[in-house]
Amino acid sequence: MSPELAGVLQLLALIAALALAYRPLGDYMARVYSSDKHLRVEKWIYRGIGANPNTEMRWPAYLRGVLAFSAVSVLFLYVLQRVQGSLPGSLGFASIDPDQAFNTAASFVSNTNWQSYYGEQAMGHVVQTGGLAVQNFVSSAVGIAVAVGLVRGFALPHSRLRSSGGTPIRTGELGNFWADMVRGVVRILLPLSVIAAIVLVACGAIQNFSGIHEAGQFAGGSQQWNGGAVASQEAIKEIGTNGGGYFNANSAHPFENPNPFSNLFEIFLILLIPFSLTRTFGRMVGSLKQGYAILATMATIWLGFICLMWWTEFAHHGPAFEIAGGAMEGKEQRFGIGASSIFSISTTLTSTGAVDSFHSSNTGLGGGLNLLGMQLGEIAPGGVGSGLYGMLIMAIIAVFIAGLMVGRTPEYLGKKIGTREIKLAACYILITPALVLVFTAFAMALPTPANSMTNTGAHGFSEILYAYTSGANNNGSAFAGLNADTPWFNTTIGLAMLLGRFLPMVFVLALAGSLAEQTPVPATAGTLRTEKPLFTGLLVGAILIITGLTYFPALALGPLAEGLAT
């Protein structure tokens, strides 16, 4: 079987599996976030953290919950790493240096999972399971909670009214952050992760708490490795679109990803919740067709990027490429170009960051596709929660553009998109590019950061651009070739991750509050039909044009220049 045909068959199998899971999981998540009942274990958690899950929150209170919980999480994970050398189960590893501890804490709390360290040589069992794995769950649940808050802003059929001195006022309440976060962990992420971990163990992924082992090599010498609760962390790493690997090789390591079936299964896990959340969105706003329109937009971009990646990676430019079946350098022989391309596109179009091949080893244009996938805002289908609210922001921008064309006040899902709403949406789409380009400019201008570059010229610039794009967009994958374990990169990428995660959430929740306060307007003959294919095409075009105009100069200096020169 040719590598091209194998890739197509794997893609078709993946699409079929996602289609089978789409409806039941999407409907289940809608029920989870619409229910008024609390499970017994959830009540214990609420009592433990001192939260009242029945208290409705307006957007400032909801945001304070997000920021307070995340700040405590950063502090806890930072301290845990700093005292690792004194903890049992540390495997003899020393405590983490301050700059790297800050970078790692910011990374896992922001759902980025960027790693400037070798996992098997730095982190013991306690930090891996009690720190990093826990943040894989809760940071993902925070992302879903924020997305659900925005959906509720659209979904309220009528603004909730409360009497104030006999005069009804709109409250704009978005639900309860603590209830949303806990439900996301207990009812969605934890059950899915248990099932996924069992499947991965059956495939050959390891799951233990063993110490360091040493084995001889055929060529002489010896090699050391340690065990760990790999399968369970691998499961939530993919399901929660986290991406941080137990080992430095990440999902190219046979302990994490043993065979071609597990590789395809992990891609399925990465895409499962982000795609299914469009069904949840449609169900909660009372129009499944609206969810299908968002799904079609995500799927169109995702499939388009995979086809482009196949085209550039399978391209034959000489006898060596023909013998190898394409650009095999940096690819796992177990998976081949077809599966590696699907994995790399899926991980950069979501906020996952897991890798089963070196992105730096892609062709120039292939590396550019991975960069562009993150620069789109990781919305096709995007991260768990963040992909949905990012796409809804872009839908608001597209509706606004359509309104300008016809001279009509834009509306989306019965809510008017006025000056306040469009300003918040504009701030959302501008903050991440600003972080990426400003940090990249400083890193290229100053002498010390440039010393970390393995390569010069266009490829070296791509290493720096990729690092800050990955950090600010909360992806976490690395281009390789860049020594990011320095005080400069640990600090600046850590700041980019925190600002890139939480500043957009401020604008999302403020927008949700503004929409929740509105009384829906009835549809008329002049209302833009946002569930139609025409709107899907408009949305895809708006996403590509806005991103292209923003990042094209930087891409032209890096992957485009490299691709055109080869």
Protein backbone atom coordinates (compact mmCIF):
# COMPACT_ATOMS: atom_id res chain seq x y z
CA MET A 1 0.00 0.00 0.00
CA SER A 2 1.35 3.42 -0.93
CA PRO A 3 2.00 5.97 1.85
CA GLU A 4 -0.54 8.32 0.26
CA LEU A 5 -3.33 5.70 0.28
CA ALA A 6 -2.50 4.71 3.86
CA GLY A 7 -2.84 8.34 4.92
CA VAL A 8 -6.22 8.70 3.18
CA LEU A 9 -7.58 5.52 4.79
CA GLN A 10 -6.47 6.67 8.24
CA LEU A 11 -8.10 10.06 7.70
CA LEU A 12 -11.38 8.42 6.65
CA ALA A 13 -11.31 6.14 9.71
CA LEU A 14 -10.65 9.15 11.95
CA ILE A 15 -13.55 11.12 10.44
CA ALA A 16 -15.89 8.15 10.87
CA ALA A 17 -14.94 7.75 14.55
CA LEU A 18 -15.43 11.47 15.23
CA ALA A 19 -18.80 11.40 13.46
CA LEU A 20 -19.98 8.49 15.63
CA ALA A 21 -18.99 10.30 18.84
CA TYR A 22 -20.20 13.76 17.80
CA ARG A 23 -23.89 13.52 18.67
CA PRO A 24 -23.85 11.54 21.94
CA LEU A 25 -20.92 13.43 23.45
CA GLY A 26 -22.15 16.85 22.30
CA ASP A 27 -25.64 16.24 23.72
CA TYR A 28 -24.20 14.83 26.94
CA MET A 29 -22.04 17.93 27.52
CA ALA A 30 -25.07 20.16 26.91
CA ARG A 31 -26.97 18.26 29.60
CA VAL A 32 -24.02 18.52 31.98
CA TYR A 33 -23.89 22.31 31.78
CA SER A 34 -27.68 22.77 31.76
CA SER A 35 -28.45 20.58 34.77
CA ASP A 36 -29.44 21.99 38.15
CA LYS A 37 -28.48 18.83 40.03
CA HIS A 38 -25.14 18.17 41.74
CA LEU A 39 -23.52 14.79 42.21
CA ARG A 40 -22.57 13.76 45.73
CA VAL A 41 -18.85 13.90 44.98
CA GLU A 42 -19.33 17.38 43.54
CA LYS A 43 -21.03 18.52 46.75
CA TRP A 44 -18.03 17.28 48.73
CA ILE A 45 -15.73 19.32 46.50
CA TYR A 46 -17.86 22.44 46.88
CA ARG A 47 -17.79 22.11 50.67
CA GLY A 48 -14.04 21.56 50.56
CA ILE A 49 -13.35 24.73 48.56
CA GLY A 50 -16.08 26.76 50.26
CA ALA A 51 -18.07 27.46 47.09
CA ASN A 52 -21.83 27.75 46.65
CA PRO A 53 -22.59 26.17 43.26
CA ASN A 54 -26.10 27.62 43.15
CA THR A 55 -24.99 31.25 43.17
CA GLU A 56 -25.40 32.90 39.78
CA MET A 57 -22.45 35.05 38.70
CA ARG A 58 -22.25 38.06 36.47
CA TRP A 59 -19.19 38.21 34.24
CA PRO A 60 -16.89 40.10 36.69
CA ALA A 61 -17.50 37.50 39.41
CA TYR A 62 -17.10 34.65 36.91
CA LEU A 63 -13.80 36.16 35.74
CA ARG A 64 -12.57 36.62 39.31
CA GLY A 65 -13.17 32.92 39.88
CA VAL A 66 -11.16 32.01 36.77
CA LEU A 67 -8.25 34.29 37.68
CA ALA A 68 -8.17 33.45 41.39
CA PHE A 69 -8.22 29.70 40.79
CA SER A 70 -5.53 29.97 38.11
CA ALA A 71 -3.30 32.20 40.25
CA VAL A 72 -3.43 29.73 43.14
CA SER A 73 -2.69 26.91 40.69
CA VAL A 74 0.41 28.70 39.37
CA LEU A 75 1.69 29.28 42.89
CA PHE A 76 1.03 25.69 43.98
CA LEU A 77 2.74 24.15 40.95
CA TYR A 78 5.71 26.53 41.25
CA VAL A 79 6.25 25.62 44.92
CA LEU A 80 5.84 21.90 44.21
CA GLN A 81 8.66 22.03 41.66
CA ARG A 82 10.91 24.11 43.89
CA VAL A 83 10.70 21.54 46.72
CA GLN A 84 10.84 18.45 44.49
CA GLY A 85 14.28 17.44 45.78
CA SER A 86 12.84 16.97 49.26
CA LEU A 87 9.78 14.99 48.19
CA PRO A 88 9.44 11.19 48.18
CA GLY A 89 9.14 9.67 44.73
CA SER A 90 11.38 12.32 43.19
CA LEU A 91 13.59 9.61 41.62
CA GLY A 92 16.60 11.50 42.90
CA PHE A 93 15.91 14.53 40.70
CA ALA A 94 16.85 17.92 42.08
CA SER A 95 14.45 20.79 42.64
CA ILE A 96 13.65 22.83 39.53
CA ASP A 97 15.43 26.16 39.01
CA PRO A 98 13.26 29.28 39.62
CA ASP A 99 12.98 30.43 36.00
CA GLN A 100 12.13 26.97 34.71
CA ALA A 101 9.69 26.35 37.56
CA PHE A 102 7.89 29.59 36.68
CA ASN A 103 7.82 28.66 32.99
CA THR A 104 6.43 25.18 33.69
CA ALA A 105 3.83 26.43 36.18
CA ALA A 106 2.63 29.08 33.74
CA SER A 107 2.66 26.50 30.95
CA PHE A 108 0.49 23.84 32.55
CA VAL A 109 -1.95 26.23 34.24
CA SER A 110 -2.51 28.09 30.97
CA ASN A 111 -3.20 24.77 29.17
CA THR A 112 -0.09 25.37 27.02
CA ASN A 113 2.18 22.58 28.28
CA TRP A 114 5.30 24.04 26.72
CA GLN A 115 8.30 22.12 28.08
CA SER A 116 11.82 23.53 28.23
CA TYR A 117 13.07 20.44 30.09
CA TYR A 118 13.49 16.71 29.47
CA GLY A 119 10.60 15.11 31.35
CA GLU A 120 12.36 11.82 32.04
CA GLN A 121 15.42 13.66 33.38
CA ALA A 122 13.80 16.39 35.46
CA MET A 123 10.38 15.55 36.91
CA GLY A 124 9.71 12.86 39.52
CA HIS A 125 6.48 10.97 40.09
CA VAL A 126 5.00 13.46 42.57
CA VAL A 127 5.40 16.48 40.31
CA GLN A 128 4.25 14.53 37.24
CA THR A 129 1.10 13.11 38.82
CA GLY A 130 0.28 15.50 41.67
CA GLY A 131 1.21 18.66 39.77
CA LEU A 132 1.29 18.38 35.99
CA ALA A 133 -1.44 15.76 35.52
CA VAL A 134 -3.80 17.60 37.88
CA GLN A 135 -3.35 20.81 35.92
CA ASN A 136 -4.09 18.90 32.72
CA PHE A 137 -7.57 18.29 34.10
CA VAL A 138 -8.40 21.61 35.73
CA SER A 139 -6.90 23.91 33.09
CA SER A 140 -8.97 22.13 30.44
CA ALA A 141 -12.08 22.42 32.58
CA VAL A 142 -11.46 26.16 32.95
CA GLY A 143 -11.36 26.52 29.16
CA ILE A 144 -14.66 24.68 28.74
CA ALA A 145 -16.22 26.77 31.53
CA VAL A 146 -15.33 30.04 29.80
CA ALA A 147 -16.73 28.74 26.51
CA VAL A 148 -19.95 27.71 28.24
CA GLY A 149 -20.17 31.17 29.81
CA LEU A 150 -20.04 32.76 26.35
CA VAL A 151 -22.60 30.31 24.98
CA ARG A 152 -24.95 31.22 27.82
CA GLY A 153 -24.57 34.87 26.83
CA PHE A 154 -26.03 33.93 23.46
CA ALA A 155 -28.38 31.24 24.72
CA LEU A 156 -30.54 33.16 27.20
CA PRO A 157 -33.88 33.45 25.41
CA HIS A 158 -34.70 36.46 27.53
CA SER A 159 -32.43 38.34 29.88
CA ARG A 160 -32.99 37.22 33.41
CA LEU A 161 -35.00 39.84 35.26
CA ARG A 162 -34.74 40.80 38.87
CA SER A 163 -36.87 43.33 40.67
CA SER A 164 -35.18 46.41 42.11
CA GLY A 165 -37.63 48.72 43.84
CA GLY A 166 -40.41 47.49 41.61
CA THR A 167 -38.39 48.04 38.43
CA PRO A 168 -37.15 44.92 36.62
CA ILE A 169 -33.48 45.05 35.65
CA ARG A 170 -31.39 42.71 33.51
CA THR A 171 -28.76 40.82 35.49
CA GLY A 172 -26.61 39.28 32.75
CA GLU A 173 -25.71 36.22 34.84
CA LEU A 174 -23.55 33.53 33.20
CA GLY A 175 -23.87 30.66 35.65
CA ASN A 176 -21.40 29.60 38.32
CA PHE A 177 -17.71 29.16 37.49
CA TRP A 178 -17.02 26.71 40.32
CA ALA A 179 -19.91 24.46 39.30
CA ASP A 180 -18.90 24.60 35.64
CA MET A 181 -15.26 23.81 36.38
CA VAL A 182 -15.99 20.94 38.76
CA ARG A 183 -18.55 19.39 36.41
CA GLY A 184 -16.08 19.58 33.55
CA VAL A 185 -13.56 17.54 35.52
CA VAL A 186 -15.89 15.08 37.26
CA ARG A 187 -18.47 14.40 34.56
CA ILE A 188 -16.53 14.85 31.31
CA LEU A 189 -12.74 14.79 31.49
CA LEU A 190 -12.28 12.16 34.20
CA PRO A 191 -14.58 9.46 32.73
CA LEU A 192 -13.20 9.93 29.23
CA SER A 193 -9.63 9.78 30.53
CA VAL A 194 -10.21 6.55 32.42
CA ILE A 195 -11.54 4.86 29.28
CA ALA A 196 -8.74 6.29 27.13
CA ALA A 197 -6.04 5.23 29.59
CA ILE A 198 -7.32 1.64 29.58
CA VAL A 199 -7.20 1.61 25.77
CA LEU A 200 -3.66 3.00 25.77
CA VAL A 201 -2.47 0.43 28.30
CA ALA A 202 -3.99 -2.28 26.11
CA CYS A 203 -2.02 -0.84 23.19
CA GLY A 204 1.24 -1.03 25.15
CA ALA A 205 1.63 2.33 26.90
CA ILE A 206 3.22 1.94 30.35
CA GLN A 207 1.48 2.69 33.66
CA ASN A 208 3.58 2.25 36.79
CA PHE A 209 5.63 4.06 39.44
CA SER A 210 8.91 2.27 38.88
CA GLY A 211 12.30 3.83 39.37
CA ILE A 212 15.17 4.37 36.98
CA HIS A 213 16.29 1.39 34.89
CA GLU A 214 19.52 0.87 33.01
CA ALA A 215 19.95 -1.37 29.97
CA GLY A 216 22.81 -2.14 27.61
CA GLN A 217 22.79 -1.04 23.99
CA PHE A 218 23.75 -3.03 20.90
CA ALA A 219 26.41 -0.46 20.00
CA GLY A 220 27.90 -0.57 23.50
CA GLY A 221 27.33 1.57 26.54
CA SER A 222 24.05 1.80 28.43
CA GLN A 223 20.83 3.78 28.48
CA GLN A 224 18.72 4.86 31.42
CA TRP A 225 14.99 5.42 31.55
CA ASN A 226 12.31 5.65 34.20
CA GLY A 227 8.74 4.49 34.35
CA GLY A 228 5.70 6.47 35.35
CA ALA A 229 1.94 6.83 35.18
CA VAL A 230 2.28 7.47 31.46
CA ALA A 231 -0.97 6.08 30.03
CA SER A 232 -3.18 8.06 32.42
CA GLN A 233 -1.28 11.28 31.76
CA GLU A 234 -1.24 10.60 28.02
CA ALA A 235 -5.03 10.24 28.06
CA ILE A 236 -5.78 13.62 29.62
CA LYS A 237 -2.88 15.17 27.71
CA GLU A 238 -4.78 14.50 24.47
CA ILE A 239 -8.39 14.71 25.66
CA GLY A 240 -7.77 18.06 27.36
CA THR A 241 -5.70 19.37 24.41
CA ASN A 242 -2.78 19.82 26.78
CA GLY A 243 0.19 18.24 25.01
CA GLY A 244 2.86 17.95 27.68
CA GLY A 245 4.68 14.64 27.33
CA TYR A 246 6.02 12.39 30.08
CA PHE A 247 9.13 11.97 27.92
CA ASN A 248 11.03 14.48 25.84
CA ALA A 249 10.14 12.66 22.59
CA ASN A 250 6.47 13.19 23.50
CA SER A 251 4.06 11.12 21.39
CA ALA A 252 6.93 9.81 19.25
CA HIS A 253 8.09 7.80 22.29
CA PRO A 254 6.91 4.15 22.25
CA PHE A 255 6.06 4.29 25.97
CA GLU A 256 3.54 7.05 25.21
CA ASN A 257 2.47 6.04 21.71
CA PRO A 258 3.28 2.37 21.05
CA ASN A 259 1.89 1.67 17.56
CA PRO A 260 -0.03 3.09 14.57
CA PHE A 261 -3.41 2.31 16.16
CA SER A 262 -2.55 4.20 19.36
CA ASN A 263 -1.30 7.06 17.19
CA LEU A 264 -4.64 7.33 15.39
CA PHE A 265 -6.48 6.91 18.69
CA GLU A 266 -4.55 9.82 20.20
CA ILE A 267 -5.44 12.06 17.25
CA PHE A 268 -9.07 11.06 17.83
CA LEU A 269 -8.78 12.06 21.49
CA ILE A 270 -7.29 15.44 20.56
CA LEU A 271 -10.21 16.30 18.27
CA LEU A 272 -13.02 14.64 20.23
CA ILE A 273 -14.19 17.40 22.60
CA PRO A 274 -13.39 20.45 20.41
CA PHE A 275 -15.48 19.16 17.52
CA SER A 276 -18.26 17.83 19.80
CA LEU A 277 -18.57 21.17 21.60
CA THR A 278 -20.14 22.60 18.43
CA ARG A 279 -23.05 20.22 19.01
CA THR A 280 -23.18 21.38 22.64
CA PHE A 281 -23.28 24.98 21.41
CA GLY A 282 -26.12 24.25 18.96
CA ARG A 283 -28.10 22.41 21.61
CA MET A 284 -27.70 25.17 24.22
CA VAL A 285 -28.67 28.03 21.85
CA GLY A 286 -31.66 26.06 20.62
CA SER A 287 -30.51 25.63 17.01
CA LEU A 288 -28.47 22.60 16.00
CA LYS A 289 -28.00 24.17 12.56
CA GLN A 290 -25.95 26.96 14.16
CA GLY A 291 -23.69 24.29 15.65
CA TYR A 292 -23.39 22.59 12.27
CA ALA A 293 -22.31 25.88 10.67
CA ILE A 294 -19.49 26.27 13.21
CA LEU A 295 -18.57 22.61 12.76
CA ALA A 296 -18.44 23.01 8.97
CA THR A 297 -16.12 26.00 9.31
CA MET A 298 -13.76 24.12 11.61
CA ALA A 299 -13.80 20.97 9.46
CA THR A 300 -13.18 22.89 6.22
CA ILE A 301 -10.03 24.52 7.59
CA TRP A 302 -8.82 21.31 9.24
CA LEU A 303 -9.21 19.19 6.10
CA GLY A 304 -7.73 21.93 3.92
CA PHE A 305 -4.62 22.14 6.08
CA ILE A 306 -4.18 18.35 6.08
CA CYS A 307 -4.36 18.24 2.28
CA LEU A 308 -1.82 21.05 1.99
CA MET A 309 0.50 19.34 4.45
CA TRP A 310 0.27 16.09 2.49
CA TRP A 311 1.01 17.97 -0.72
CA THR A 312 4.18 19.58 0.60
CA GLU A 313 5.43 16.56 2.61
CA PHE A 314 4.75 13.93 -0.08
CA ALA A 315 6.23 16.11 -2.82
CA HIS A 316 9.03 14.37 -4.74
CA HIS A 317 12.06 16.51 -5.48
CA GLY A 318 14.58 13.83 -6.39
CA PRO A 319 15.49 10.15 -6.11
CA ALA A 320 15.97 10.24 -2.34
CA PHE A 321 12.45 11.57 -1.80
CA GLU A 322 11.01 8.97 -4.16
CA ILE A 323 12.75 6.11 -2.36
CA ALA A 324 11.58 7.38 1.05
CA GLY A 325 8.05 8.08 -0.18
CA GLY A 326 8.36 11.75 0.77
CA ALA A 327 10.20 13.91 3.30
CA MET A 328 10.76 11.25 5.99
CA GLU A 329 13.48 13.08 7.95
CA GLY A 330 12.18 13.71 11.46
CA LYS A 331 9.25 11.30 11.02
CA GLU A 332 8.56 8.09 12.93
CA GLN A 333 8.89 5.03 10.68
CA ARG A 334 6.03 3.43 12.62
CA PHE A 335 3.61 6.15 11.51
CA GLY A 336 4.89 7.49 8.20
CA ILE A 337 4.16 10.82 6.55
CA GLY A 338 0.40 10.41 6.25
CA ALA A 339 -0.32 9.89 9.95
CA SER A 340 2.43 12.31 11.04
CA SER A 341 0.90 15.05 8.90
CA ILE A 342 -2.59 14.47 10.34
CA PHE A 343 -1.12 14.54 13.84
CA SER A 344 0.91 17.72 13.32
CA ILE A 345 -2.00 19.62 11.76
CA SER A 346 -4.44 18.42 14.42
CA THR A 347 -2.10 19.38 17.24
CA THR A 348 -1.37 22.88 15.86
CA LEU A 349 -4.97 23.62 14.90
CA THR A 350 -5.88 22.77 18.48
CA SER A 351 -4.05 23.99 21.56
CA THR A 352 -2.57 20.56 22.17
CA GLY A 353 1.12 20.80 21.36
CA ALA A 354 1.71 17.04 21.42
CA VAL A 355 3.98 15.84 18.62
CA ASP A 356 4.76 12.50 16.98
CA SER A 357 7.34 14.03 14.60
CA PHE A 358 9.73 16.97 14.61
CA HIS A 359 7.96 20.01 13.19
CA SER A 360 11.35 21.53 12.50
CA SER A 361 11.97 18.67 10.07
CA ASN A 362 8.93 19.50 7.96
CA THR A 363 9.56 21.12 4.62
CA GLY A 364 9.70 24.91 4.73
CA LEU A 365 6.07 25.22 3.66
CA GLY A 366 5.04 22.36 5.96
CA GLY A 367 6.54 24.16 8.95
CA GLY A 368 4.74 27.29 7.79
CA LEU A 369 1.41 25.42 7.83
CA ASN A 370 1.99 24.40 11.45
CA LEU A 371 2.79 28.01 12.30
CA LEU A 372 -0.26 29.33 10.47
CA GLY A 373 -2.47 26.77 12.17
CA MET A 374 -1.56 28.22 15.56
CA GLN A 375 -1.75 31.80 14.30
CA LEU A 376 -5.35 31.31 13.20
CA GLY A 377 -6.08 31.27 16.91
CA GLU A 378 -6.27 27.48 17.09
CA ILE A 379 -9.97 27.46 16.23
CA ALA A 380 -10.23 24.60 13.74
CA PRO A 381 -11.33 22.91 15.92
CA GLY A 382 -9.16 24.60 18.55
CA GLY A 383 -8.48 23.74 22.14
CA VAL A 384 -10.96 22.35 24.64
CA GLY A 385 -13.28 25.32 25.15
CA SER A 386 -10.86 27.89 23.74
CA GLY A 387 -11.49 26.70 20.20
CA LEU A 388 -15.24 27.23 20.50
CA TYR A 389 -15.09 30.68 22.06
CA GLY A 390 -12.37 31.71 19.61
CA MET A 391 -14.52 30.63 16.67
CA LEU A 392 -17.57 32.43 18.08
CA ILE A 393 -15.50 35.62 18.33
CA MET A 394 -14.57 35.22 14.66
CA ALA A 395 -18.25 34.63 13.85
CA ILE A 396 -19.06 37.97 15.45
CA ILE A 397 -16.37 39.64 13.34
CA ALA A 398 -17.77 37.98 10.19
CA VAL A 399 -21.31 39.12 11.04
CA PHE A 400 -20.00 42.64 11.57
CA ILE A 401 -18.26 42.61 8.18
CA ALA A 402 -21.47 41.38 6.54
CA GLY A 403 -23.42 44.13 8.28
CA LEU A 404 -21.06 46.77 6.91
CA MET A 405 -21.59 45.43 3.39
CA VAL A 406 -25.37 45.86 3.50
CA GLY A 407 -25.60 48.83 5.85
CA ARG A 408 -27.47 46.94 8.58
CA THR A 409 -26.83 46.61 12.31
CA PRO A 410 -25.21 43.18 12.67
CA GLU A 411 -26.94 40.49 14.70
CA TYR A 412 -25.86 37.02 15.74
CA LEU A 413 -28.22 34.52 17.33
CA GLY A 414 -30.72 37.28 18.04
CA LYS A 415 -28.22 39.53 19.83
CA LYS A 416 -27.16 42.87 18.37
CA ILE A 417 -23.45 43.33 17.76
CA GLY A 418 -22.97 46.94 18.74
CA THR A 419 -20.00 49.16 19.49
CA ARG A 420 -19.18 47.51 22.83
CA GLU A 421 -19.36 43.98 21.44
CA ILE A 422 -17.19 44.68 18.40
CA LYS A 423 -14.57 46.48 20.50
CA LEU A 424 -14.30 43.48 22.81
CA ALA A 425 -14.07 41.10 19.84
CA ALA A 426 -11.41 43.30 18.22
CA CYS A 427 -9.35 43.33 21.42
CA TYR A 428 -9.59 39.55 21.54
CA ILE A 429 -8.22 39.03 18.03
CA LEU A 430 -5.45 41.65 18.45
CA ILE A 431 -3.95 40.70 21.81
CA THR A 432 -2.34 37.40 20.79
CA PRO A 433 -0.67 38.66 17.57
CA ALA A 434 0.67 41.62 19.55
CA LEU A 435 2.27 39.29 22.09
CA VAL A 436 3.76 37.04 19.41
CA LEU A 437 5.21 39.79 17.24
CA VAL A 438 6.49 42.02 20.06
CA PHE A 439 8.26 39.17 21.90
CA THR A 440 9.68 37.83 18.63
CA ALA A 441 10.99 41.28 17.70
CA PHE A 442 12.74 41.70 21.05
CA ALA A 443 14.24 38.19 20.87
CA MET A 444 15.65 38.87 17.40
CA ALA A 445 16.93 42.33 18.29
CA LEU A 446 18.74 41.43 21.50
CA PRO A 447 22.05 39.53 21.34
CA THR A 448 21.51 36.97 24.12
CA PRO A 449 18.31 35.23 22.85
CA ALA A 450 19.82 34.78 19.39
CA ASN A 451 22.58 32.65 20.92
CA SER A 452 19.98 29.94 21.59
CA MET A 453 19.29 29.48 17.86
CA THR A 454 20.77 26.34 16.33
CA ASN A 455 20.11 27.57 12.79
CA THR A 456 20.58 30.92 11.09
CA GLY A 457 18.67 32.64 8.33
CA ALA A 458 15.00 31.96 7.64
CA HIS A 459 14.91 28.66 9.54
CA GLY A 460 16.50 30.25 12.62
CA PHE A 461 13.92 33.05 12.54
CA SER A 462 11.18 30.41 12.28
CA GLU A 463 12.46 28.80 15.49
CA ILE A 464 11.96 32.05 17.42
CA LEU A 465 8.64 32.90 15.75
CA TYR A 466 7.35 29.38 16.40
CA ALA A 467 8.32 29.51 20.08
CA TYR A 468 6.37 32.69 20.83
CA THR A 469 3.49 31.68 18.55
CA SER A 470 3.24 28.40 20.43
CA GLY A 471 3.43 30.13 23.82
CA ALA A 472 1.04 33.04 23.25
CA ASN A 473 -1.51 30.81 21.49
CA ASN A 474 -1.27 28.25 24.32
CA ASN A 475 -0.23 25.44 21.99
CA GLY A 476 2.99 24.16 23.53
CA SER A 477 4.58 22.34 20.59
CA ALA A 478 8.18 23.21 19.76
CA PHE A 479 9.94 23.69 16.44
CA ALA A 480 13.08 22.04 17.86
CA GLY A 481 16.52 23.46 17.34
CA LEU A 482 15.99 26.26 19.85
CA ASN A 483 17.54 26.09 23.33
CA ALA A 484 14.61 27.54 25.24
CA ASP A 485 15.89 26.57 28.70
CA THR A 486 17.45 29.96 29.44
CA PRO A 487 16.30 32.67 31.86
CA TRP A 488 15.24 34.88 28.92
CA PHE A 489 13.08 32.32 27.17
CA ASN A 490 11.71 30.74 30.34
CA THR A 491 10.59 34.15 31.58
CA THR A 492 9.32 35.72 28.35
CA ILE A 493 7.57 32.61 27.03
CA GLY A 494 6.06 32.13 30.50
CA LEU A 495 4.67 35.68 30.38
CA ALA A 496 3.43 35.14 26.83
CA MET A 497 1.58 31.99 27.93
CA LEU A 498 -0.13 33.66 30.88
CA LEU A 499 -1.07 36.82 29.00
CA GLY A 500 -2.11 34.82 25.93
CA ARG A 501 -4.43 32.67 28.01
CA PHE A 502 -6.06 35.04 30.47
CA LEU A 503 -6.26 38.40 28.70
CA PRO A 504 -8.45 36.91 25.93
CA MET A 505 -10.64 35.34 28.62
CA VAL A 506 -11.26 38.83 30.04
CA PHE A 507 -12.64 39.98 26.70
CA VAL A 508 -14.63 36.76 26.17
CA LEU A 509 -16.40 36.97 29.52
CA ALA A 510 -16.98 40.71 29.20
CA LEU A 511 -18.56 40.02 25.81
CA ALA A 512 -20.65 37.21 27.30
CA GLY A 513 -21.91 39.56 30.01
CA SER A 514 -22.81 42.21 27.44
CA LEU A 515 -24.73 39.70 25.33
CA ALA A 516 -26.52 38.22 28.35
CA GLU A 517 -27.88 41.64 29.28
CA GLN A 518 -29.55 42.09 25.89
CA THR A 519 -33.13 41.28 25.06
CA PRO A 520 -33.09 39.12 21.92
CA VAL A 521 -34.39 40.75 18.74
CA PRO A 522 -36.66 38.78 16.39
CA ALA A 523 -35.31 37.66 13.03
CA THR A 524 -36.56 39.57 9.98
CA ALA A 525 -36.21 39.20 6.22
CA GLY A 526 -32.99 41.22 6.40
CA THR A 527 -31.35 39.09 9.11
CA LEU A 528 -28.19 37.29 8.00
CA ARG A 529 -28.81 33.54 8.02
CA THR A 530 -25.79 32.37 10.00
CA GLU A 531 -26.69 28.68 9.70
CA LYS A 532 -26.30 28.65 5.90
CA PRO A 533 -23.26 27.56 3.80
CA LEU A 534 -22.88 31.17 2.62
CA PHE A 535 -22.04 32.27 6.15
CA THR A 536 -19.65 29.35 6.58
CA GLY A 537 -17.78 30.52 3.49
CA LEU A 538 -17.75 34.10 4.78
CA LEU A 539 -16.42 32.93 8.15
CA VAL A 540 -13.63 30.84 6.59
CA GLY A 541 -12.63 33.78 4.39
CA ALA A 542 -12.64 36.25 7.28
CA ILE A 543 -10.45 33.96 9.39
CA LEU A 544 -7.85 33.44 6.65
CA ILE A 545 -7.77 37.10 5.58
CA ILE A 546 -7.49 38.52 9.10
CA THR A 547 -4.71 36.08 10.00
CA GLY A 548 -2.95 36.54 6.69
CA LEU A 549 -2.87 40.31 6.98
CA THR A 550 -1.61 40.08 10.55
CA TYR A 551 1.16 37.52 10.18
CA PHE A 552 2.14 37.54 6.50
CA PRO A 553 5.23 39.80 6.93
CA ALA A 554 6.60 37.53 9.68
CA LEU A 555 5.79 34.36 7.74
CA ALA A 556 7.48 35.83 4.67
CA LEU A 557 10.72 36.22 6.63
CA GLY A 558 10.63 32.64 7.93
CA PRO A 559 8.86 29.59 6.48
CA LEU A 560 7.79 31.19 3.19
CA ALA A 561 11.34 32.35 2.44
CA GLU A 562 12.68 28.92 3.36
CA GLY A 563 10.05 27.08 1.33
CA LEU A 564 10.55 29.19 -1.80
CA ALA A 565 14.33 28.82 -1.57
CA THR A 566 14.23 24.98 -1.66
